[in-house]
Amino acid sequence: MPERLVPGDTAPDFRLLDSAGREVSLKDFRGRNTVVYFYPAAATPGCTKQACDFRDSLGALQAAGYDVVGISPDPVEKLAKFADAEALSFPLLSDPDHTVAADYAAWGEKKNYGRSYDGLIRSTVVVGPDGKVTLAQYNVRATGHVAKLRRDLKVDA
């Protein structure tokens, strides 16, 4: 597993399909701040809470100059249903082989009830307009994370 990203690192580029089957690249967001968040599975309680928190904060984040992109291992079809069901208007990207998650150190060993396994580590990386990491948070909680992120980024309500 690669080392976790830290501010100043160059964010790994990616090219993934969104919920509509269109190709999206990190380079598409060059010139803007971009919140790239990794979540384990669409339409699960925690991931739905987190996505809806991003949805509800999207106006304030965009007004402050931040775009939002969510990445999970889910197939495009599941992402489309999730985006539609929750009225999510930011890109949800499919990373079925975990390559991008691994590049961002958001895929690795997890422990649950004494059992170790590989899985997605709920993480958020903010990429600046120049493609450099400005903030990286790992093992974040689904509930309350977006509010904390907004405080860290000094984004008002």
N, C-alpha and C. Protein backbone atom coordinates (compact mmCIF):
# COMPACT_ATOMS: atom_id res chain seq x y z
N MET A 1 0.84 -1.18 0.00
CA MET A 1 0.00 0.00 0.00
C MET A 1 0.89 1.25 0.00
N PRO A 2 0.59 2.22 -0.87
CA PRO A 2 1.39 3.44 -0.89
C PRO A 2 1.24 4.21 0.41
N GLU A 3 2.21 5.06 0.67
CA GLU A 3 2.11 5.89 1.86
C GLU A 3 0.97 6.88 1.69
N ARG A 4 0.41 7.27 2.81
CA ARG A 4 -0.67 8.25 2.77
C ARG A 4 -0.17 9.56 2.19
N LEU A 5 -1.07 10.22 1.49
CA LEU A 5 -0.74 11.51 0.91
C LEU A 5 -0.69 12.57 2.00
N VAL A 6 0.16 13.55 1.80
CA VAL A 6 0.28 14.67 2.73
C VAL A 6 0.27 15.96 1.91
N PRO A 7 -0.07 17.08 2.54
CA PRO A 7 -0.06 18.34 1.82
C PRO A 7 1.28 18.58 1.12
N GLY A 8 1.19 19.02 -0.12
CA GLY A 8 2.38 19.26 -0.94
C GLY A 8 2.64 18.16 -1.95
N ASP A 9 2.11 16.94 -1.68
CA ASP A 9 2.26 15.85 -2.65
C ASP A 9 1.47 16.17 -3.92
N THR A 10 1.94 15.66 -5.05
CA THR A 10 1.15 15.75 -6.28
C THR A 10 0.08 14.69 -6.21
N ALA A 11 -1.17 15.09 -6.40
CA ALA A 11 -2.29 14.13 -6.35
C ALA A 11 -2.20 13.21 -7.56
N PRO A 12 -2.32 11.91 -7.35
CA PRO A 12 -2.30 10.98 -8.49
C PRO A 12 -3.47 11.28 -9.45
N ASP A 13 -3.15 11.33 -10.73
CA ASP A 13 -4.21 11.55 -11.71
C ASP A 13 -5.05 10.28 -11.80
N PHE A 14 -6.26 10.43 -12.26
CA PHE A 14 -7.13 9.27 -12.50
C PHE A 14 -8.03 9.55 -13.67
N ARG A 15 -8.56 8.50 -14.22
CA ARG A 15 -9.53 8.55 -15.31
C ARG A 15 -10.51 7.41 -15.04
N LEU A 16 -11.73 7.78 -14.60
CA LEU A 16 -12.74 6.80 -14.22
C LEU A 16 -14.08 7.15 -14.85
N LEU A 17 -14.98 6.19 -14.88
CA LEU A 17 -16.33 6.44 -15.40
C LEU A 17 -17.22 6.95 -14.28
N ASP A 18 -18.07 7.94 -14.63
CA ASP A 18 -19.03 8.44 -13.65
C ASP A 18 -20.34 7.67 -13.75
N SER A 19 -21.33 8.09 -12.97
CA SER A 19 -22.59 7.37 -12.88
C SER A 19 -23.37 7.39 -14.20
N ALA A 20 -22.99 8.27 -15.12
CA ALA A 20 -23.65 8.32 -16.44
C ALA A 20 -22.80 7.61 -17.50
N GLY A 21 -21.67 7.02 -17.09
CA GLY A 21 -20.82 6.31 -18.03
C GLY A 21 -19.83 7.20 -18.77
N ARG A 22 -19.72 8.47 -18.36
CA ARG A 22 -18.76 9.40 -18.97
C ARG A 22 -17.42 9.30 -18.27
N GLU A 23 -16.36 9.48 -19.02
CA GLU A 23 -15.02 9.45 -18.45
C GLU A 23 -14.72 10.79 -17.75
N VAL A 24 -14.21 10.70 -16.53
CA VAL A 24 -13.86 11.87 -15.75
C VAL A 24 -12.41 11.70 -15.29
N SER A 25 -11.65 12.79 -15.41
CA SER A 25 -10.25 12.78 -15.00
C SER A 25 -10.02 13.87 -13.95
N LEU A 26 -9.04 13.67 -13.10
CA LEU A 26 -8.68 14.71 -12.15
C LEU A 26 -8.29 15.98 -12.90
N LYS A 27 -7.68 15.83 -14.06
CA LYS A 27 -7.26 16.99 -14.85
C LYS A 27 -8.45 17.86 -15.27
N ASP A 28 -9.65 17.27 -15.31
CA ASP A 28 -10.86 18.04 -15.64
C ASP A 28 -11.12 19.14 -14.61
N PHE A 29 -10.54 18.99 -13.42
CA PHE A 29 -10.79 19.94 -12.33
C PHE A 29 -9.60 20.88 -12.10
N ARG A 30 -8.60 20.81 -12.96
CA ARG A 30 -7.43 21.67 -12.82
C ARG A 30 -7.88 23.13 -12.80
N GLY A 31 -7.27 23.91 -11.93
CA GLY A 31 -7.63 25.31 -11.82
C GLY A 31 -8.64 25.58 -10.71
N ARG A 32 -9.20 24.50 -10.12
CA ARG A 32 -10.14 24.64 -9.01
C ARG A 32 -9.69 23.73 -7.88
N ASN A 33 -10.16 24.04 -6.69
CA ASN A 33 -9.95 23.13 -5.56
C ASN A 33 -10.95 21.98 -5.71
N THR A 34 -10.51 20.77 -5.44
CA THR A 34 -11.37 19.61 -5.61
C THR A 34 -11.30 18.71 -4.38
N VAL A 35 -12.46 18.43 -3.82
CA VAL A 35 -12.58 17.49 -2.72
C VAL A 35 -12.83 16.11 -3.34
N VAL A 36 -11.87 15.20 -3.16
CA VAL A 36 -12.00 13.83 -3.65
C VAL A 36 -12.23 12.96 -2.42
N TYR A 37 -13.43 12.38 -2.34
CA TYR A 37 -13.68 11.55 -1.16
C TYR A 37 -13.96 10.11 -1.58
N PHE A 38 -13.45 9.20 -0.79
CA PHE A 38 -13.57 7.76 -1.04
C PHE A 38 -14.53 7.17 -0.02
N TYR A 39 -15.48 6.39 -0.50
CA TYR A 39 -16.47 5.77 0.39
C TYR A 39 -16.65 4.31 -0.03
N PRO A 40 -16.95 3.42 0.93
CA PRO A 40 -16.96 1.98 0.67
C PRO A 40 -18.06 1.47 -0.26
N ALA A 41 -19.31 1.92 -0.09
CA ALA A 41 -20.39 1.32 -0.88
C ALA A 41 -21.60 2.24 -0.96
N ALA A 42 -22.04 2.50 -2.17
CA ALA A 42 -23.22 3.33 -2.40
C ALA A 42 -24.45 2.69 -1.77
N ALA A 43 -25.35 3.53 -1.31
CA ALA A 43 -26.67 3.13 -0.80
C ALA A 43 -26.61 2.38 0.53
N THR A 44 -25.48 2.43 1.22
CA THR A 44 -25.42 1.90 2.58
C THR A 44 -25.66 3.07 3.54
N PRO A 45 -26.07 2.81 4.78
CA PRO A 45 -26.46 3.92 5.66
C PRO A 45 -25.38 4.99 5.84
N GLY A 46 -24.16 4.59 6.18
CA GLY A 46 -23.11 5.58 6.40
C GLY A 46 -22.73 6.34 5.14
N CYS A 47 -22.61 5.63 4.04
CA CYS A 47 -22.23 6.28 2.78
C CYS A 47 -23.34 7.19 2.27
N THR A 48 -24.58 6.81 2.51
CA THR A 48 -25.70 7.67 2.12
C THR A 48 -25.68 8.95 2.96
N LYS A 49 -25.45 8.82 4.25
CA LYS A 49 -25.38 9.99 5.13
C LYS A 49 -24.28 10.93 4.66
N GLN A 50 -23.10 10.38 4.38
CA GLN A 50 -21.97 11.21 3.96
C GLN A 50 -22.26 11.88 2.61
N ALA A 51 -22.79 11.14 1.65
CA ALA A 51 -23.10 11.70 0.33
C ALA A 51 -24.14 12.81 0.44
N CYS A 52 -25.17 12.59 1.26
CA CYS A 52 -26.21 13.60 1.43
C CYS A 52 -25.67 14.84 2.14
N ASP A 53 -24.71 14.65 3.06
CA ASP A 53 -24.07 15.79 3.69
C ASP A 53 -23.28 16.60 2.65
N PHE A 54 -22.58 15.91 1.76
CA PHE A 54 -21.89 16.63 0.67
C PHE A 54 -22.90 17.33 -0.23
N ARG A 55 -23.99 16.64 -0.56
CA ARG A 55 -25.05 17.25 -1.39
C ARG A 55 -25.57 18.52 -0.74
N ASP A 56 -25.87 18.45 0.54
CA ASP A 56 -26.45 19.58 1.26
C ASP A 56 -25.45 20.72 1.45
N SER A 57 -24.17 20.43 1.39
CA SER A 57 -23.12 21.45 1.54
C SER A 57 -22.53 21.89 0.20
N LEU A 58 -23.00 21.30 -0.88
CA LEU A 58 -22.38 21.55 -2.19
C LEU A 58 -22.41 23.03 -2.57
N GLY A 59 -23.52 23.71 -2.35
CA GLY A 59 -23.60 25.13 -2.70
C GLY A 59 -22.55 25.96 -1.99
N ALA A 60 -22.40 25.73 -0.69
CA ALA A 60 -21.41 26.49 0.09
C ALA A 60 -19.99 26.12 -0.34
N LEU A 61 -19.75 24.83 -0.58
CA LEU A 61 -18.42 24.41 -1.03
C LEU A 61 -18.09 25.02 -2.39
N GLN A 62 -19.03 24.96 -3.33
CA GLN A 62 -18.78 25.51 -4.66
C GLN A 62 -18.60 27.03 -4.60
N ALA A 63 -19.39 27.70 -3.77
CA ALA A 63 -19.25 29.15 -3.63
C ALA A 63 -17.86 29.52 -3.09
N ALA A 64 -17.27 28.63 -2.30
CA ALA A 64 -15.93 28.86 -1.76
C ALA A 64 -14.85 28.35 -2.71
N GLY A 65 -15.25 27.83 -3.88
CA GLY A 65 -14.28 27.40 -4.89
C GLY A 65 -13.90 25.94 -4.87
N TYR A 66 -14.74 25.10 -4.25
CA TYR A 66 -14.44 23.66 -4.16
C TYR A 66 -15.45 22.85 -4.96
N ASP A 67 -14.93 21.95 -5.81
CA ASP A 67 -15.76 20.94 -6.45
C ASP A 67 -15.69 19.69 -5.58
N VAL A 68 -16.65 18.78 -5.77
CA VAL A 68 -16.70 17.53 -4.99
C VAL A 68 -16.80 16.35 -5.96
N VAL A 69 -16.02 15.31 -5.69
CA VAL A 69 -16.05 14.07 -6.45
C VAL A 69 -16.03 12.91 -5.46
N GLY A 70 -16.97 11.98 -5.60
CA GLY A 70 -16.98 10.79 -4.76
C GLY A 70 -16.50 9.58 -5.55
N ILE A 71 -15.70 8.73 -4.93
CA ILE A 71 -15.16 7.53 -5.60
C ILE A 71 -15.43 6.32 -4.73
N SER A 72 -15.96 5.25 -5.35
CA SER A 72 -16.19 3.99 -4.65
C SER A 72 -15.93 2.84 -5.61
N PRO A 73 -15.86 1.62 -5.08
CA PRO A 73 -15.66 0.45 -5.94
C PRO A 73 -16.93 0.01 -6.68
N ASP A 74 -18.05 0.70 -6.45
CA ASP A 74 -19.32 0.30 -7.03
C ASP A 74 -19.33 0.40 -8.56
N PRO A 75 -20.10 -0.48 -9.22
CA PRO A 75 -20.25 -0.37 -10.68
C PRO A 75 -21.06 0.87 -11.06
N VAL A 76 -20.88 1.33 -12.28
CA VAL A 76 -21.55 2.52 -12.79
C VAL A 76 -23.06 2.46 -12.57
N GLU A 77 -23.67 1.32 -12.82
CA GLU A 77 -25.13 1.18 -12.70
C GLU A 77 -25.60 1.44 -11.27
N LYS A 78 -24.86 0.94 -10.29
CA LYS A 78 -25.23 1.16 -8.89
C LYS A 78 -25.06 2.64 -8.52
N LEU A 79 -24.01 3.26 -9.04
CA LEU A 79 -23.80 4.68 -8.79
C LEU A 79 -24.92 5.52 -9.38
N ALA A 80 -25.40 5.14 -10.56
CA ALA A 80 -26.50 5.88 -11.20
C ALA A 80 -27.76 5.80 -10.35
N LYS A 81 -28.06 4.63 -9.83
CA LYS A 81 -29.25 4.47 -8.97
C LYS A 81 -29.10 5.28 -7.68
N PHE A 82 -27.91 5.24 -7.11
CA PHE A 82 -27.63 5.97 -5.87
C PHE A 82 -27.76 7.48 -6.10
N ALA A 83 -27.15 7.97 -7.17
CA ALA A 83 -27.22 9.41 -7.48
C ALA A 83 -28.66 9.85 -7.70
N ASP A 84 -29.42 9.03 -8.39
CA ASP A 84 -30.82 9.36 -8.67
C ASP A 84 -31.66 9.32 -7.38
N ALA A 85 -31.48 8.28 -6.59
CA ALA A 85 -32.28 8.11 -5.38
C ALA A 85 -32.03 9.23 -4.37
N GLU A 86 -30.81 9.73 -4.32
CA GLU A 86 -30.44 10.73 -3.31
C GLU A 86 -30.28 12.14 -3.89
N ALA A 87 -30.60 12.31 -5.18
CA ALA A 87 -30.49 13.62 -5.86
C ALA A 87 -29.08 14.19 -5.71
N LEU A 88 -28.08 13.36 -5.99
CA LEU A 88 -26.69 13.79 -5.89
C LEU A 88 -26.27 14.41 -7.22
N SER A 89 -25.81 15.64 -7.18
CA SER A 89 -25.49 16.35 -8.42
C SER A 89 -24.00 16.50 -8.68
N PHE A 90 -23.17 15.91 -7.83
CA PHE A 90 -21.73 15.93 -8.06
C PHE A 90 -21.33 14.56 -8.60
N PRO A 91 -20.18 14.48 -9.29
CA PRO A 91 -19.78 13.21 -9.90
C PRO A 91 -19.49 12.11 -8.88
N LEU A 92 -20.04 10.93 -9.17
CA LEU A 92 -19.71 9.70 -8.44
C LEU A 92 -18.96 8.83 -9.43
N LEU A 93 -17.76 8.42 -9.07
CA LEU A 93 -16.90 7.68 -9.99
C LEU A 93 -16.71 6.24 -9.53
N SER A 94 -16.63 5.36 -10.52
CA SER A 94 -16.50 3.92 -10.28
C SER A 94 -15.03 3.50 -10.38
N ASP A 95 -14.53 2.90 -9.30
CA ASP A 95 -13.15 2.41 -9.22
C ASP A 95 -13.20 0.92 -8.84
N PRO A 96 -13.73 0.07 -9.75
CA PRO A 96 -14.00 -1.32 -9.38
C PRO A 96 -12.77 -2.16 -9.04
N ASP A 97 -11.62 -1.80 -9.58
CA ASP A 97 -10.42 -2.59 -9.27
C ASP A 97 -9.55 -1.93 -8.18
N HIS A 98 -10.06 -0.86 -7.58
CA HIS A 98 -9.43 -0.18 -6.43
C HIS A 98 -8.11 0.50 -6.77
N THR A 99 -7.81 0.67 -8.05
CA THR A 99 -6.52 1.24 -8.45
C THR A 99 -6.36 2.66 -7.95
N VAL A 100 -7.38 3.49 -8.16
CA VAL A 100 -7.28 4.88 -7.74
C VAL A 100 -7.28 4.96 -6.21
N ALA A 101 -8.13 4.18 -5.56
CA ALA A 101 -8.14 4.16 -4.10
C ALA A 101 -6.76 3.78 -3.56
N ALA A 102 -6.12 2.80 -4.17
CA ALA A 102 -4.78 2.38 -3.74
C ALA A 102 -3.77 3.51 -3.98
N ASP A 103 -3.86 4.20 -5.12
CA ASP A 103 -2.95 5.31 -5.40
C ASP A 103 -3.08 6.42 -4.36
N TYR A 104 -4.27 6.58 -3.81
CA TYR A 104 -4.53 7.61 -2.80
C TYR A 104 -4.39 7.07 -1.37
N ALA A 105 -3.93 5.82 -1.23
CA ALA A 105 -3.77 5.16 0.07
C ALA A 105 -5.11 5.02 0.79
N ALA A 106 -6.19 4.92 0.01
CA ALA A 106 -7.52 4.74 0.57
C ALA A 106 -7.99 3.29 0.43
N TRP A 107 -7.10 2.41 0.07
CA TRP A 107 -7.41 0.98 0.00
C TRP A 107 -6.32 0.26 0.77
N GLY A 108 -6.72 -0.57 1.72
CA GLY A 108 -5.72 -1.28 2.49
C GLY A 108 -6.33 -2.09 3.60
N GLU A 109 -5.48 -2.46 4.55
CA GLU A 109 -5.92 -3.33 5.64
C GLU A 109 -6.87 -2.60 6.58
N LYS A 110 -7.96 -3.28 6.88
CA LYS A 110 -8.95 -2.78 7.84
C LYS A 110 -9.15 -3.87 8.88
N LYS A 111 -9.61 -3.46 10.05
CA LYS A 111 -9.90 -4.44 11.10
C LYS A 111 -11.32 -4.20 11.58
N ASN A 112 -12.04 -5.28 11.74
CA ASN A 112 -13.41 -5.20 12.22
C ASN A 112 -13.69 -6.43 13.08
N TYR A 113 -14.04 -6.19 14.32
CA TYR A 113 -14.33 -7.29 15.25
C TYR A 113 -13.20 -8.31 15.30
N GLY A 114 -11.95 -7.80 15.32
CA GLY A 114 -10.79 -8.67 15.44
C GLY A 114 -10.35 -9.35 14.16
N ARG A 115 -11.06 -9.08 13.08
CA ARG A 115 -10.72 -9.70 11.79
C ARG A 115 -10.06 -8.67 10.90
N SER A 116 -8.98 -9.06 10.20
CA SER A 116 -8.29 -8.17 9.26
C SER A 116 -8.68 -8.54 7.84
N TYR A 117 -8.86 -7.53 7.02
CA TYR A 117 -9.19 -7.74 5.61
C TYR A 117 -8.84 -6.48 4.83
N ASP A 118 -8.71 -6.60 3.51
CA ASP A 118 -8.48 -5.44 2.66
C ASP A 118 -9.80 -4.81 2.29
N GLY A 119 -9.84 -3.49 2.33
CA GLY A 119 -11.06 -2.78 1.99
C GLY A 119 -10.80 -1.31 1.79
N LEU A 120 -11.86 -0.59 1.48
CA LEU A 120 -11.75 0.84 1.26
C LEU A 120 -11.73 1.57 2.59
N ILE A 121 -10.79 2.47 2.74
CA ILE A 121 -10.63 3.28 3.94
C ILE A 121 -11.30 4.62 3.65
N ARG A 122 -12.35 4.92 4.38
CA ARG A 122 -13.08 6.17 4.14
C ARG A 122 -12.10 7.34 4.31
N SER A 123 -11.88 8.07 3.22
CA SER A 123 -10.83 9.09 3.18
C SER A 123 -11.28 10.28 2.35
N THR A 124 -10.67 11.43 2.63
CA THR A 124 -10.93 12.64 1.85
C THR A 124 -9.60 13.33 1.57
N VAL A 125 -9.40 13.66 0.30
CA VAL A 125 -8.20 14.37 -0.11
C VAL A 125 -8.64 15.61 -0.86
N VAL A 126 -8.14 16.77 -0.44
CA VAL A 126 -8.44 18.01 -1.14
C VAL A 126 -7.24 18.34 -2.03
N VAL A 127 -7.54 18.54 -3.31
CA VAL A 127 -6.52 18.82 -4.31
C VAL A 127 -6.65 20.28 -4.73
N GLY A 128 -5.55 21.01 -4.69
CA GLY A 128 -5.56 22.41 -5.06
C GLY A 128 -5.61 22.61 -6.57
N PRO A 129 -5.76 23.85 -6.99
CA PRO A 129 -5.86 24.16 -8.42
C PRO A 129 -4.63 23.72 -9.22
N ASP A 130 -3.49 23.58 -8.55
CA ASP A 130 -2.24 23.19 -9.21
C ASP A 130 -2.03 21.67 -9.21
N GLY A 131 -3.00 20.91 -8.68
CA GLY A 131 -2.86 19.45 -8.65
C GLY A 131 -2.13 18.93 -7.43
N LYS A 132 -1.81 19.81 -6.49
CA LYS A 132 -1.12 19.40 -5.26
C LYS A 132 -2.14 19.18 -4.15
N VAL A 133 -1.85 18.21 -3.28
CA VAL A 133 -2.69 17.93 -2.13
C VAL A 133 -2.58 19.08 -1.14
N THR A 134 -3.74 19.59 -0.69
CA THR A 134 -3.73 20.64 0.33
C THR A 134 -4.22 20.11 1.68
N LEU A 135 -4.93 18.99 1.66
CA LEU A 135 -5.45 18.38 2.89
C LEU A 135 -5.71 16.91 2.61
N ALA A 136 -5.34 16.05 3.54
CA ALA A 136 -5.61 14.61 3.40
C ALA A 136 -6.06 14.08 4.75
N GLN A 137 -7.25 13.45 4.75
CA GLN A 137 -7.81 12.90 5.98
C GLN A 137 -8.18 11.45 5.73
N TYR A 138 -7.73 10.56 6.63
CA TYR A 138 -7.96 9.13 6.48
C TYR A 138 -8.75 8.61 7.69
N ASN A 139 -9.46 7.50 7.46
CA ASN A 139 -10.27 6.88 8.51
C ASN A 139 -11.27 7.87 9.09
N VAL A 140 -11.90 8.64 8.21
CA VAL A 140 -12.88 9.62 8.67
C VAL A 140 -14.20 8.91 8.97
N ARG A 141 -15.02 9.54 9.76
CA ARG A 141 -16.35 9.01 10.07
C ARG A 141 -17.33 9.52 9.03
N ALA A 142 -18.32 8.71 8.72
CA ALA A 142 -19.34 9.13 7.76
C ALA A 142 -20.15 10.29 8.32
N THR A 143 -20.57 10.15 9.55
CA THR A 143 -21.41 11.17 10.18
C THR A 143 -20.53 12.27 10.76
N GLY A 144 -20.81 13.50 10.37
CA GLY A 144 -20.09 14.65 10.89
C GLY A 144 -18.84 15.02 10.12
N HIS A 145 -18.42 14.18 9.19
CA HIS A 145 -17.18 14.46 8.46
C HIS A 145 -17.28 15.72 7.61
N VAL A 146 -18.37 15.90 6.89
CA VAL A 146 -18.50 17.05 6.00
C VAL A 146 -18.50 18.35 6.81
N ALA A 147 -19.17 18.36 7.95
CA ALA A 147 -19.17 19.55 8.81
C ALA A 147 -17.75 19.86 9.29
N LYS A 148 -17.00 18.83 9.68
CA LYS A 148 -15.61 19.03 10.11
C LYS A 148 -14.76 19.52 8.94
N LEU A 149 -14.95 18.92 7.77
CA LEU A 149 -14.20 19.33 6.59
C LEU A 149 -14.47 20.82 6.28
N ARG A 150 -15.72 21.21 6.36
CA ARG A 150 -16.06 22.62 6.10
C ARG A 150 -15.36 23.54 7.10
N ARG A 151 -15.30 23.12 8.36
CA ARG A 151 -14.60 23.92 9.37
C ARG A 151 -13.10 24.00 9.01
N ASP A 152 -12.51 22.84 8.65
CA ASP A 152 -11.09 22.80 8.31
C ASP A 152 -10.78 23.68 7.09
N LEU A 153 -11.71 23.73 6.15
CA LEU A 153 -11.52 24.53 4.93
C LEU A 153 -12.01 25.97 5.10
N LYS A 154 -12.58 26.25 6.26
CA LYS A 154 -13.14 27.59 6.55
C LYS A 154 -14.22 27.97 5.54
N VAL A 155 -15.13 27.01 5.28
CA VAL A 155 -16.26 27.24 4.39
C VAL A 155 -17.49 27.50 5.25
N ASP A 156 -18.06 28.70 5.12
CA ASP A 156 -19.24 29.08 5.89
C ASP A 156 -20.48 28.40 5.36
N ALA A 157 -21.52 28.43 6.18
CA ALA A 157 -22.80 27.80 5.83
C ALA A 157 -23.47 28.48 4.68
